[in-house]
Structure formats: C-alpha cells, structure tokens
Amino acid sequence: SIPNKKIEDPVAGKVNTSSLATTRQHLSGFHL
C-alpha cells in the first residue's frame, strides 16, 4: 500500500470514545 499525502475526513463529526483516542492511524482503511 502507498499512503496518500492528503487525507480528507469524509465525516465532519469526530469519534471521541476513549478506545479510539490514541490510535488515529487505524481509524480508516481497507484490507484485501
């Protein structure tokens, strides 16, 4: 995989749960 330079958040709202507060890099993406 090649990461894109510019990442846009398609949803305006942010997820603020404590389980997701530290792992921002794994919040989006696909697996083959």
ModelCIF file with pLDDT and N, C-alpha, C, O atoms, coordinates in Angstrom:
data_MODEL
#
_entry.id   MODEL 
#
_entity.id                         1 
_entity.type                       polymer 
_entity.pdbx_number_of_molecules   1 
#
_entity_poly.entity_id                      1 
_entity_poly.type                           'polypeptide(L)' 
_entity_poly.nstd_linkage                   no 
_entity_poly.nstd_monomer                   no 
_entity_poly.pdbx_seq_one_letter_code       SIPNKKIEDPVAGKVNTSSLATTRQHLSGFHL 
_entity_poly.pdbx_seq_one_letter_code_can   SIPNKKIEDPVAGKVNTSSLATTRQHLSGFHL 
_entity_poly.pdbx_strand_id                 A 
#
loop_
_entity_poly_seq.entity_id 
_entity_poly_seq.num 
_entity_poly_seq.mon_id 
_entity_poly_seq.hetero 
1 1  SER n 
1 2  ILE n 
1 3  PRO n 
1 4  ASN n 
1 5  LYS n 
1 6  LYS n 
1 7  ILE n 
1 8  GLU n 
1 9  ASP n 
1 10 PRO n 
1 11 VAL n 
1 12 ALA n 
1 13 GLY n 
1 14 LYS n 
1 15 VAL n 
1 16 ASN n 
1 17 THR n 
1 18 SER n 
1 19 SER n 
1 20 LEU n 
1 21 ALA n 
1 22 THR n 
1 23 THR n 
1 24 ARG n 
1 25 GLN n 
1 26 HIS n 
1 27 LEU n 
1 28 SER n 
1 29 GLY n 
1 30 PHE n 
1 31 HIS n 
1 32 LEU n 
#
_struct_asym.id          A 
_struct_asym.entity_id   1 
#
loop_
_ma_qa_metric.id 
_ma_qa_metric.mode 
_ma_qa_metric.name 
_ma_qa_metric.software_group_id 
_ma_qa_metric.type 
1 global pLDDT . pLDDT 
2 local  pLDDT . pLDDT 
#
_ma_qa_metric_global.metric_id      1 
_ma_qa_metric_global.metric_value   60.41 
_ma_qa_metric_global.model_id       1 
_ma_qa_metric_global.ordinal_id     1 
#
loop_
_ma_qa_metric_local.label_asym_id 
_ma_qa_metric_local.label_comp_id 
_ma_qa_metric_local.label_seq_id 
_ma_qa_metric_local.metric_id 
_ma_qa_metric_local.metric_value 
_ma_qa_metric_local.model_id 
_ma_qa_metric_local.ordinal_id 
A SER 1  2 71.00 1 1  
A ILE 2  2 74.00 1 2  
A PRO 3  2 72.00 1 3  
A ASN 4  2 71.00 1 4  
A LYS 5  2 66.00 1 5  
A LYS 6  2 59.00 1 6  
A ILE 7  2 52.00 1 7  
A GLU 8  2 51.00 1 8  
A ASP 9  2 52.00 1 9  
A PRO 10 2 51.00 1 10 
A VAL 11 2 52.00 1 11 
A ALA 12 2 45.00 1 12 
A GLY 13 2 48.00 1 13 
A LYS 14 2 52.00 1 14 
A VAL 15 2 55.00 1 15 
A ASN 16 2 55.00 1 16 
A THR 17 2 56.00 1 17 
A SER 18 2 53.00 1 18 
A SER 19 2 54.00 1 19 
A LEU 20 2 52.00 1 20 
A ALA 21 2 50.00 1 21 
A THR 22 2 50.00 1 22 
A THR 23 2 49.00 1 23 
A ARG 24 2 49.00 1 24 
A GLN 25 2 50.00 1 25 
A HIS 26 2 54.00 1 26 
A LEU 27 2 63.00 1 27 
A SER 28 2 70.00 1 28 
A GLY 29 2 84.00 1 29 
A PHE 30 2 90.00 1 30 
A HIS 31 2 91.00 1 31 
A LEU 32 2 92.00 1 32 
#
loop_
_atom_site.group_PDB 
_atom_site.id 
_atom_site.type_symbol 
_atom_site.label_atom_id 
_atom_site.label_alt_id 
_atom_site.label_comp_id 
_atom_site.label_asym_id 
_atom_site.label_entity_id 
_atom_site.label_seq_id 
_atom_site.pdbx_PDB_ins_code 
_atom_site.Cartn_x 
_atom_site.Cartn_y 
_atom_site.Cartn_z 
_atom_site.occupancy 
_atom_site.B_iso_or_equiv 
_atom_site.pdbx_formal_charge 
_atom_site.auth_seq_id 
_atom_site.auth_comp_id 
_atom_site.auth_asym_id 
_atom_site.auth_atom_id 
_atom_site.pdbx_PDB_model_num 
ATOM 1   N N  . SER A 1 1  ? 0.838   -1.195 0.000  1.00 71.00 ? 1  SER A N  1 
ATOM 2   C CA . SER A 1 1  ? 0.000   0.000  0.000  1.00 71.00 ? 1  SER A CA 1 
ATOM 3   C C  . SER A 1 1  ? 0.874   1.247  0.000  1.00 71.00 ? 1  SER A C  1 
ATOM 4   O O  . SER A 1 1  ? 1.973   1.264  0.554  1.00 71.00 ? 1  SER A O  1 
ATOM 5   N N  . ILE A 1 2  ? 0.352   2.287  -0.639 1.00 74.00 ? 2  ILE A N  1 
ATOM 6   C CA . ILE A 1 2  ? 1.044   3.567  -0.715 1.00 74.00 ? 2  ILE A CA 1 
ATOM 7   C C  . ILE A 1 2  ? 0.145   4.605  -0.060 1.00 74.00 ? 2  ILE A C  1 
ATOM 8   O O  . ILE A 1 2  ? -0.955  4.849  -0.555 1.00 74.00 ? 2  ILE A O  1 
ATOM 9   N N  . PRO A 1 3  ? 0.578   5.229  1.044  1.00 72.00 ? 3  PRO A N  1 
ATOM 10  C CA . PRO A 1 3  ? -0.297  6.219  1.697  1.00 72.00 ? 3  PRO A CA 1 
ATOM 11  C C  . PRO A 1 3  ? -0.448  7.476  0.851  1.00 72.00 ? 3  PRO A C  1 
ATOM 12  O O  . PRO A 1 3  ? 0.498   7.910  0.192  1.00 72.00 ? 3  PRO A O  1 
ATOM 13  N N  . ASN A 1 4  ? -1.654  8.062  0.874  1.00 71.00 ? 4  ASN A N  1 
ATOM 14  C CA . ASN A 1 4  ? -1.901  9.314  0.178  1.00 71.00 ? 4  ASN A CA 1 
ATOM 15  C C  . ASN A 1 4  ? -1.342  10.468 0.996  1.00 71.00 ? 4  ASN A C  1 
ATOM 16  O O  . ASN A 1 4  ? -1.316  10.414 2.225  1.00 71.00 ? 4  ASN A O  1 
ATOM 17  N N  . LYS A 1 5  ? -0.897  11.511 0.306  1.00 66.00 ? 5  LYS A N  1 
ATOM 18  C CA . LYS A 1 5  ? -0.331  12.671 1.001  1.00 66.00 ? 5  LYS A CA 1 
ATOM 19  C C  . LYS A 1 5  ? -1.411  13.463 1.743  1.00 66.00 ? 5  LYS A C  1 
ATOM 20  O O  . LYS A 1 5  ? -1.218  13.877 2.887  1.00 66.00 ? 5  LYS A O  1 
ATOM 21  N N  . LYS A 1 6  ? -2.556  13.667 1.068  1.00 59.00 ? 6  LYS A N  1 
ATOM 22  C CA . LYS A 1 6  ? -3.616  14.462 1.648  1.00 59.00 ? 6  LYS A CA 1 
ATOM 23  C C  . LYS A 1 6  ? -4.765  13.545 2.045  1.00 59.00 ? 6  LYS A C  1 
ATOM 24  O O  . LYS A 1 6  ? -5.323  12.844 1.201  1.00 59.00 ? 6  LYS A O  1 
ATOM 25  N N  . ILE A 1 7  ? -5.119  13.547 3.324  1.00 52.00 ? 7  ILE A N  1 
ATOM 26  C CA . ILE A 1 7  ? -6.206  12.712 3.810  1.00 52.00 ? 7  ILE A CA 1 
ATOM 27  C C  . ILE A 1 7  ? -7.352  13.620 4.221  1.00 52.00 ? 7  ILE A C  1 
ATOM 28  O O  . ILE A 1 7  ? -7.200  14.498 5.071  1.00 52.00 ? 7  ILE A O  1 
ATOM 29  N N  . GLU A 1 8  ? -8.500  13.391 3.601  1.00 51.00 ? 8  GLU A N  1 
ATOM 30  C CA . GLU A 1 8  ? -9.682  14.159 3.946  1.00 51.00 ? 8  GLU A CA 1 
ATOM 31  C C  . GLU A 1 8  ? -10.599 13.308 4.791  1.00 51.00 ? 8  GLU A C  1 
ATOM 32  O O  . GLU A 1 8  ? -10.784 12.123 4.515  1.00 51.00 ? 8  GLU A O  1 
ATOM 33  N N  . ASP A 1 9  ? -11.186 13.915 5.837  1.00 52.00 ? 9  ASP A N  1 
ATOM 34  C CA . ASP A 1 9  ? -12.137 13.218 6.666  1.00 52.00 ? 9  ASP A CA 1 
ATOM 35  C C  . ASP A 1 9  ? -13.513 13.371 6.031  1.00 52.00 ? 9  ASP A C  1 
ATOM 36  O O  . ASP A 1 9  ? -14.036 14.484 5.979  1.00 52.00 ? 9  ASP A O  1 
ATOM 37  N N  . PRO A 1 10 ? -14.127 12.264 5.538  1.00 51.00 ? 10 PRO A N  1 
ATOM 38  C CA . PRO A 1 10 ? -15.399 12.388 4.847  1.00 51.00 ? 10 PRO A CA 1 
ATOM 39  C C  . PRO A 1 10 ? -16.555 12.745 5.768  1.00 51.00 ? 10 PRO A C  1 
ATOM 40  O O  . PRO A 1 10 ? -17.599 13.193 5.295  1.00 51.00 ? 10 PRO A O  1 
ATOM 41  N N  . VAL A 1 11 ? -16.392 12.559 7.058  1.00 52.00 ? 11 VAL A N  1 
ATOM 42  C CA . VAL A 1 11 ? -17.451 12.848 8.015  1.00 52.00 ? 11 VAL A CA 1 
ATOM 43  C C  . VAL A 1 11 ? -16.996 14.015 8.885  1.00 52.00 ? 11 VAL A C  1 
ATOM 44  O O  . VAL A 1 11 ? -15.875 14.015 9.394  1.00 52.00 ? 11 VAL A O  1 
ATOM 45  N N  . ALA A 1 12 ? -17.856 14.997 9.051  1.00 45.00 ? 12 ALA A N  1 
ATOM 46  C CA . ALA A 1 12 ? -17.472 16.189 9.805  1.00 45.00 ? 12 ALA A CA 1 
ATOM 47  C C  . ALA A 1 12 ? -17.305 15.881 11.286 1.00 45.00 ? 12 ALA A C  1 
ATOM 48  O O  . ALA A 1 12 ? -16.458 16.485 11.945 1.00 45.00 ? 12 ALA A O  1 
ATOM 49  N N  . GLY A 1 13 ? -18.086 14.961 11.820 1.00 48.00 ? 13 GLY A N  1 
ATOM 50  C CA . GLY A 1 13 ? -18.012 14.645 13.243 1.00 48.00 ? 13 GLY A CA 1 
ATOM 51  C C  . GLY A 1 13 ? -16.799 13.819 13.581 1.00 48.00 ? 13 GLY A C  1 
ATOM 52  O O  . GLY A 1 13 ? -16.341 13.019 12.765 1.00 48.00 ? 13 GLY A O  1 
ATOM 53  N N  . LYS A 1 14 ? -16.281 14.000 14.755 1.00 52.00 ? 14 LYS A N  1 
ATOM 54  C CA . LYS A 1 14 ? -15.128 13.237 15.220 1.00 52.00 ? 14 LYS A CA 1 
ATOM 55  C C  . LYS A 1 14 ? -15.594 12.163 16.196 1.00 52.00 ? 14 LYS A C  1 
ATOM 56  O O  . LYS A 1 14 ? -16.585 12.345 16.903 1.00 52.00 ? 14 LYS A O  1 
ATOM 57  N N  . VAL A 1 15 ? -14.882 11.054 16.231 1.00 55.00 ? 15 VAL A N  1 
ATOM 58  C CA . VAL A 1 15 ? -15.171 10.000 17.184 1.00 55.00 ? 15 VAL A CA 1 
ATOM 59  C C  . VAL A 1 15 ? -14.349 10.285 18.433 1.00 55.00 ? 15 VAL A C  1 
ATOM 60  O O  . VAL A 1 15 ? -13.125 10.394 18.360 1.00 55.00 ? 15 VAL A O  1 
ATOM 61  N N  . ASN A 1 16 ? -15.012 10.405 19.575 1.00 55.00 ? 16 ASN A N  1 
ATOM 62  C CA . ASN A 1 16 ? -14.318 10.789 20.796 1.00 55.00 ? 16 ASN A CA 1 
ATOM 63  C C  . ASN A 1 16 ? -14.396 9.725  21.881 1.00 55.00 ? 16 ASN A C  1 
ATOM 64  O O  . ASN A 1 16 ? -14.374 10.063 23.064 1.00 55.00 ? 16 ASN A O  1 
ATOM 65  N N  . THR A 1 17 ? -14.486 8.464  21.518 1.00 56.00 ? 17 THR A N  1 
ATOM 66  C CA . THR A 1 17 ? -14.502 7.430  22.542 1.00 56.00 ? 17 THR A CA 1 
ATOM 67  C C  . THR A 1 17 ? -13.083 7.181  23.029 1.00 56.00 ? 17 THR A C  1 
ATOM 68  O O  . THR A 1 17 ? -12.121 7.385  22.289 1.00 56.00 ? 17 THR A O  1 
ATOM 69  N N  . SER A 1 18 ? -12.957 6.747  24.253 1.00 53.00 ? 18 SER A N  1 
ATOM 70  C CA . SER A 1 18 ? -11.625 6.576  24.839 1.00 53.00 ? 18 SER A CA 1 
ATOM 71  C C  . SER A 1 18 ? -10.843 5.457  24.160 1.00 53.00 ? 18 SER A C  1 
ATOM 72  O O  . SER A 1 18 ? -9.614  5.507  24.109 1.00 53.00 ? 18 SER A O  1 
ATOM 73  N N  . SER A 1 19 ? -11.539 4.449  23.638 1.00 54.00 ? 19 SER A N  1 
ATOM 74  C CA . SER A 1 19 ? -10.820 3.343  22.994 1.00 54.00 ? 19 SER A CA 1 
ATOM 75  C C  . SER A 1 19 ? -10.185 3.763  21.681 1.00 54.00 ? 19 SER A C  1 
ATOM 76  O O  . SER A 1 19 ? -9.246  3.115  21.219 1.00 54.00 ? 19 SER A O  1 
ATOM 77  N N  . LEU A 1 20 ? -10.678 4.835  21.069 1.00 52.00 ? 20 LEU A N  1 
ATOM 78  C CA . LEU A 1 20 ? -10.144 5.290  19.790 1.00 52.00 ? 20 LEU A CA 1 
ATOM 79  C C  . LEU A 1 20 ? -9.299  6.560  19.918 1.00 52.00 ? 20 LEU A C  1 
ATOM 80  O O  . LEU A 1 20 ? -8.828  7.087  18.911 1.00 52.00 ? 20 LEU A O  1 
ATOM 81  N N  . ALA A 1 21 ? -9.105  7.049  21.122 1.00 50.00 ? 21 ALA A N  1 
ATOM 82  C CA . ALA A 1 21 ? -8.415  8.319  21.318 1.00 50.00 ? 21 ALA A CA 1 
ATOM 83  C C  . ALA A 1 21 ? -6.943  8.266  20.946 1.00 50.00 ? 21 ALA A C  1 
ATOM 84  O O  . ALA A 1 21 ? -6.384  9.281  20.531 1.00 50.00 ? 21 ALA A O  1 
ATOM 85  N N  . THR A 1 22 ? -6.295  7.113  21.083 1.00 50.00 ? 22 THR A N  1 
ATOM 86  C CA . THR A 1 22 ? -4.851  7.052  20.851 1.00 50.00 ? 22 THR A CA 1 
ATOM 87  C C  . THR A 1 22 ? -4.471  6.466  19.501 1.00 50.00 ? 22 THR A C  1 
ATOM 88  O O  . THR A 1 22 ? -3.351  6.688  19.042 1.00 50.00 ? 22 THR A O  1 
ATOM 89  N N  . THR A 1 23 ? -5.350  5.734  18.854 1.00 49.00 ? 23 THR A N  1 
ATOM 90  C CA . THR A 1 23 ? -4.986  5.064  17.603 1.00 49.00 ? 23 THR A CA 1 
ATOM 91  C C  . THR A 1 23 ? -5.639  5.748  16.418 1.00 49.00 ? 23 THR A C  1 
ATOM 92  O O  . THR A 1 23 ? -6.603  5.223  15.861 1.00 49.00 ? 23 THR A O  1 
ATOM 93  N N  . ARG A 1 24 ? -5.145  6.887  16.027 1.00 49.00 ? 24 ARG A N  1 
ATOM 94  C CA . ARG A 1 24 ? -5.707  7.641  14.909 1.00 49.00 ? 24 ARG A CA 1 
ATOM 95  C C  . ARG A 1 24 ? -5.357  7.041  13.551 1.00 49.00 ? 24 ARG A C  1 
ATOM 96  O O  . ARG A 1 24 ? -6.113  7.226  12.596 1.00 49.00 ? 24 ARG A O  1 
ATOM 97  N N  . GLN A 1 25 ? -4.238  6.327  13.433 1.00 50.00 ? 25 GLN A N  1 
ATOM 98  C CA . GLN A 1 25 ? -3.828  5.822  12.138 1.00 50.00 ? 25 GLN A CA 1 
ATOM 99  C C  . GLN A 1 25 ? -4.669  4.627  11.686 1.00 50.00 ? 25 GLN A C  1 
ATOM 100 O O  . GLN A 1 25 ? -4.678  4.317  10.495 1.00 50.00 ? 25 GLN A O  1 
ATOM 101 N N  . HIS A 1 26 ? -5.370  3.951  12.584 1.00 54.00 ? 26 HIS A N  1 
ATOM 102 C CA . HIS A 1 26 ? -6.126  2.765  12.214 1.00 54.00 ? 26 HIS A CA 1 
ATOM 103 C C  . HIS A 1 26 ? -7.622  3.045  12.117 1.00 54.00 ? 26 HIS A C  1 
ATOM 104 O O  . HIS A 1 26 ? -8.415  2.104  12.109 1.00 54.00 ? 26 HIS A O  1 
ATOM 105 N N  . LEU A 1 27 ? -8.030  4.307  12.044 1.00 63.00 ? 27 LEU A N  1 
ATOM 106 C CA . LEU A 1 27 ? -9.446  4.634  12.011 1.00 63.00 ? 27 LEU A CA 1 
ATOM 107 C C  . LEU A 1 27 ? -10.049 4.502  10.621 1.00 63.00 ? 27 LEU A C  1 
ATOM 108 O O  . LEU A 1 27 ? -11.273 4.493  10.484 1.00 63.00 ? 27 LEU A O  1 
ATOM 109 N N  . SER A 1 28 ? -9.232  4.402  9.602  1.00 70.00 ? 28 SER A N  1 
ATOM 110 C CA . SER A 1 28 ? -9.771  4.285  8.260  1.00 70.00 ? 28 SER A CA 1 
ATOM 111 C C  . SER A 1 28 ? -8.890  3.364  7.451  1.00 70.00 ? 28 SER A C  1 
ATOM 112 O O  . SER A 1 28 ? -7.719  3.153  7.768  1.00 70.00 ? 28 SER A O  1 
ATOM 113 N N  . GLY A 1 29 ? -9.468  2.824  6.410  1.00 84.00 ? 29 GLY A N  1 
ATOM 114 C CA . GLY A 1 29 ? -8.679  1.990  5.523  1.00 84.00 ? 29 GLY A CA 1 
ATOM 115 C C  . GLY A 1 29 ? -9.399  0.723  5.131  1.00 84.00 ? 29 GLY A C  1 
ATOM 116 O O  . GLY A 1 29 ? -10.436 0.365  5.689  1.00 84.00 ? 29 GLY A O  1 
ATOM 117 N N  . PHE A 1 30 ? -8.819  0.057  4.155  1.00 90.00 ? 30 PHE A N  1 
ATOM 118 C CA . PHE A 1 30 ? -9.360  -1.182 3.635  1.00 90.00 ? 30 PHE A CA 1 
ATOM 119 C C  . PHE A 1 30 ? -8.316  -2.277 3.749  1.00 90.00 ? 30 PHE A C  1 
ATOM 120 O O  . PHE A 1 30 ? -7.115  -2.007 3.747  1.00 90.00 ? 30 PHE A O  1 
ATOM 121 N N  . HIS A 1 31 ? -8.782  -3.512 3.849  1.00 91.00 ? 31 HIS A N  1 
ATOM 122 C CA . HIS A 1 31 ? -7.912  -4.691 3.788  1.00 91.00 ? 31 HIS A CA 1 
ATOM 123 C C  . HIS A 1 31 ? -8.371  -5.559 2.631  1.00 91.00 ? 31 HIS A C  1 
ATOM 124 O O  . HIS A 1 31 ? -9.569  -5.725 2.399  1.00 91.00 ? 31 HIS A O  1 
ATOM 125 N N  . LEU A 1 32 ? -7.407  -6.111 1.907  1.00 92.00 ? 32 LEU A N  1 
ATOM 126 C CA . LEU A 1 32 ? -7.701  -7.035 0.812  1.00 92.00 ? 32 LEU A CA 1 
ATOM 127 C C  . LEU A 1 32 ? -7.594  -8.470 1.322  1.00 92.00 ? 32 LEU A C  1 
ATOM 128 O O  . LEU A 1 32 ? -7.804  -9.413 0.560  1.00 92.00 ? 32 LEU A O  1 
#
